[in-house]
Protein backbone atom coordinates (compact mmCIF):
# COMPACT_ATOMS: atom_id res chain seq x y z
CA MET A 1 57.94 -1.86 8.85
CA ASN A 2 59.05 -3.87 5.83
CA LYS A 3 59.43 -0.71 3.75
CA ILE A 4 61.86 0.78 6.27
CA LYS A 5 64.25 -2.19 5.82
CA GLU A 6 65.38 -0.60 2.58
CA TYR A 7 66.86 2.32 4.55
CA LEU A 8 68.75 0.21 7.10
CA ILE A 9 72.50 0.36 6.54
CA PRO A 10 74.42 -2.61 7.98
CA PHE A 11 77.86 -1.23 8.86
CA VAL A 12 79.40 -4.27 10.57
CA GLY A 13 80.56 -5.99 7.36
CA LEU A 14 81.85 -2.81 5.73
CA LYS A 15 85.55 -2.02 5.44
CA THR A 16 87.03 1.15 6.91
CA GLY A 17 86.54 4.01 4.44
CA LYS A 18 83.75 5.65 2.45
CA HIS A 19 80.67 3.84 1.15
CA LEU A 20 77.90 5.33 -1.02
CA PHE A 21 74.18 4.50 -0.71
CA GLU A 22 71.65 6.04 -3.11
CA TYR A 23 67.87 6.16 -2.93
CA GLN A 24 65.22 7.40 -5.37
CA LEU A 25 62.23 8.56 -3.35
CA ASN A 26 58.60 9.23 -4.26
CA ASN A 27 55.36 9.56 -2.28
CA GLU A 28 55.56 5.95 -1.07
CA PHE A 29 58.44 6.99 1.19
CA PHE A 30 56.35 9.71 2.84
CA GLU A 31 53.42 7.29 3.31
CA ILE A 32 55.62 5.36 5.76
CA PHE A 33 55.49 8.43 8.03
CA ASP A 34 51.79 9.23 7.28
CA TYR A 35 52.86 12.50 5.64
CA ASP A 36 50.64 13.55 2.73
CA GLU A 37 51.62 17.19 2.22
CA TYR A 38 53.01 16.57 -1.29
CA GLN A 39 50.87 15.59 -4.28
CA ASN A 40 53.88 14.08 -6.01
CA SER A 41 57.59 13.85 -5.29
CA ASP A 42 60.77 12.80 -7.09
CA ILE A 43 63.87 13.10 -4.93
CA LYS A 44 67.32 11.57 -5.24
CA VAL A 45 69.10 10.99 -1.92
CA SER A 46 72.73 9.99 -1.53
CA VAL A 47 74.23 8.88 1.76
CA VAL A 48 78.00 8.68 2.13
CA LEU A 49 78.98 6.56 5.12
CA GLU A 50 82.56 6.95 6.26
CA LYS A 51 83.46 4.12 8.58
CA GLN A 52 86.27 4.73 11.04
CA ASN A 53 87.58 2.53 13.82
CA ASN A 54 85.60 4.12 16.65
CA MET A 55 82.80 6.03 14.88
CA LEU A 56 80.73 6.48 11.73
CA GLU A 57 80.19 9.67 9.79
CA LEU A 58 77.11 9.98 7.57
CA ASN A 59 76.73 12.75 4.99
CA PHE A 60 73.23 13.04 3.52
CA LYS A 61 72.43 15.01 0.34
CA HIS A 62 69.18 15.30 -1.54
CA LYS A 63 67.95 17.04 -4.67
CA GLY A 64 64.63 16.83 -6.47
CA THR A 65 61.11 18.18 -6.74
CA VAL A 66 57.95 18.04 -4.68
CA ASN A 67 54.56 19.02 -6.07
CA VAL A 68 52.90 21.45 -3.65
CA PRO A 69 50.09 24.04 -3.81
CA CYS A 70 51.02 27.72 -4.05
CA ASP A 71 50.20 29.63 -0.85
CA LEU A 72 48.92 32.63 -2.83
CA THR A 73 46.95 31.10 -5.70
CA GLY A 74 46.32 27.50 -4.64
CA GLU A 75 47.72 26.20 -7.95
CA ASP A 76 49.94 23.09 -7.81
CA PHE A 77 53.54 23.40 -8.98
CA ASP A 78 56.82 21.49 -8.80
CA LEU A 79 59.11 23.03 -6.18
CA LEU A 80 62.82 22.36 -6.51
CA ILE A 81 64.43 21.36 -3.24
CA LYS A 82 67.93 20.43 -2.18
CA GLY A 83 69.80 20.09 1.05
CA LYS A 84 72.43 18.31 3.04
CA MET A 85 72.97 17.08 6.56
CA LYS A 86 75.81 15.57 8.55
CA LEU A 87 75.44 12.95 11.28
CA ILE A 88 78.14 11.49 13.49
CA VAL A 89 77.49 8.09 15.05
CA ARG A 90 79.40 7.03 18.14
CA PHE A 91 79.17 3.91 20.24
CA GLY A 92 78.18 4.00 23.91
CA GLU A 93 76.37 2.20 26.69
CA GLU A 94 72.84 3.15 25.62
CA PHE A 95 70.95 4.70 22.68
CA ASN A 96 70.85 8.52 22.71
CA ASN A 97 69.61 10.79 19.93
CA ASP A 98 69.14 14.02 21.91
CA ASN A 99 71.63 15.92 19.75
CA GLU A 100 70.59 16.35 16.10
CA GLU A 101 74.18 16.02 14.81
CA LEU A 102 75.35 13.23 17.13
CA LEU A 103 73.81 9.78 17.54
CA ILE A 104 75.00 7.37 20.20
CA ILE A 105 74.14 3.71 19.65
CA PRO A 106 74.88 0.70 21.88
CA PHE A 107 78.07 -1.30 21.27
CA GLY A 108 76.19 -4.39 20.05
CA GLU A 109 74.38 -2.65 17.16
CA PHE A 110 75.24 -3.69 13.64
CA GLU A 111 73.02 -1.41 11.49
CA ILE A 112 71.68 2.13 11.44
CA ASP A 113 68.21 3.26 10.34
CA THR A 114 68.51 6.30 8.05
CA ALA A 115 64.81 6.64 7.11
CA GLN A 116 63.93 9.13 9.88
CA TYR A 117 66.95 11.31 9.10
CA ILE A 118 66.19 11.34 5.38
CA TYR A 119 62.56 12.22 6.08
CA GLU A 120 63.43 15.10 8.41
CA MET A 121 66.08 16.47 6.04
CA ILE A 122 63.63 16.61 3.12
CA VAL A 123 60.67 18.02 5.04
CA LEU A 124 62.81 20.73 6.62
CA SER A 125 64.24 21.77 3.23
CA VAL A 126 60.80 22.73 1.89
CA PRO A 127 60.17 26.42 2.64
CA GLN A 128 57.21 27.38 4.80
CA ARG A 129 55.97 29.90 2.26
CA ARG A 130 55.64 28.29 -1.15
CA VAL A 131 55.07 30.68 -4.03
CA HIS A 132 54.58 29.58 -7.63
CA PRO A 133 57.49 30.76 -9.84
CA GLY A 134 54.91 32.22 -12.25
CA VAL A 135 53.77 34.62 -9.52
CA LYS A 136 57.31 35.94 -9.07
CA ASP A 137 57.99 36.55 -12.77
CA GLY A 138 54.42 37.58 -13.63
CA SER A 139 53.72 34.81 -16.16
CA LEU A 140 51.02 32.99 -14.13
CA GLN A 141 47.44 33.96 -14.98
CA SER A 142 44.81 32.94 -12.43
CA GLU A 143 41.61 34.37 -10.98
CA ALA A 144 42.97 34.28 -7.44
CA LEU A 145 46.06 36.25 -8.40
CA GLU A 146 44.03 38.86 -10.29
CA LYS A 147 41.74 39.33 -7.28
CA LEU A 148 44.75 39.70 -4.98
CA ASN A 149 46.20 42.37 -7.25
CA GLU A 150 42.90 44.28 -7.32
CA LEU A 151 42.68 44.30 -3.54
CA ALA A 152 46.31 45.29 -3.05
CA VAL A 153 45.94 48.41 -5.22
CA LYS A 154 42.81 49.56 -3.38
CA GLU A 155 44.46 49.15 0.01
CA GLU A 156 47.43 51.31 -1.01
CA LYS A 157 45.17 54.12 -2.27
CA GLU A 158 43.04 54.03 0.88
CA ASN A 159 46.12 54.14 3.10
CA LYS A 160 47.48 57.22 1.30
CA GLU A 161 44.16 59.03 1.66
CA GLU A 162 43.99 58.22 5.37
CA GLN A 163 47.52 59.50 5.92
CA THR A 164 46.78 62.91 4.42
CA GLU A 165 43.57 63.29 6.43
CA ASP A 166 45.09 62.21 9.75
CA ILE A 167 47.75 64.96 9.95
CA ASP A 168 47.13 67.14 12.99
CA PRO A 169 47.30 70.91 12.16
CA ARG A 170 49.31 71.52 15.34
CA TRP A 171 52.27 69.72 13.74
CA ASP A 172 52.37 72.37 11.02
CA LYS A 173 52.79 75.07 13.67
CA LEU A 174 55.62 73.11 15.32
CA LYS A 175 57.38 72.67 11.96
CA GLN A 176 57.26 76.44 11.47
CA LEU A 177 59.20 76.91 14.71
CA LEU A 178 62.06 74.90 13.24
CA THR A 179 62.16 76.94 10.03
CA ASP A 180 61.74 80.36 11.73
CA LYS A 181 65.19 80.24 13.40
């Protein structure tokens, strides 16, 4: 709970206008949420809070790297990630966060917790399929990748052989009808 205090933004004492908050995140941030998908992370997050008379507007941006295993080879690599998110905060009778772009907080509140929003923004910016850049450009050499390439070539050859064998001779007769006209 004490670690989340760092991500609380007290907006009561702020003047009307834009205010910038910056955070440098690593794996300690993800430990707060019991999320251990990344071996290492280095992410810079900036939050621009625009205070208006009757509402707040928060613009989140992040850019950095997370160290994840490749889905094809299992090798760890640094994946570049970036993203942005916008959140509008209005005041109402009771707390309501049903809408992902609109947050309603009670009139008596004086601070907003941004940790959950930062966490969700970063986790959702990491693609589901993570492929090492060396696989894409062909520079990565690994046993797993070589084995995958061997199996892929065999499957293509087997599929071509099956296609030639599976042609029904009756189709040839039907094709002749089209050309005989």
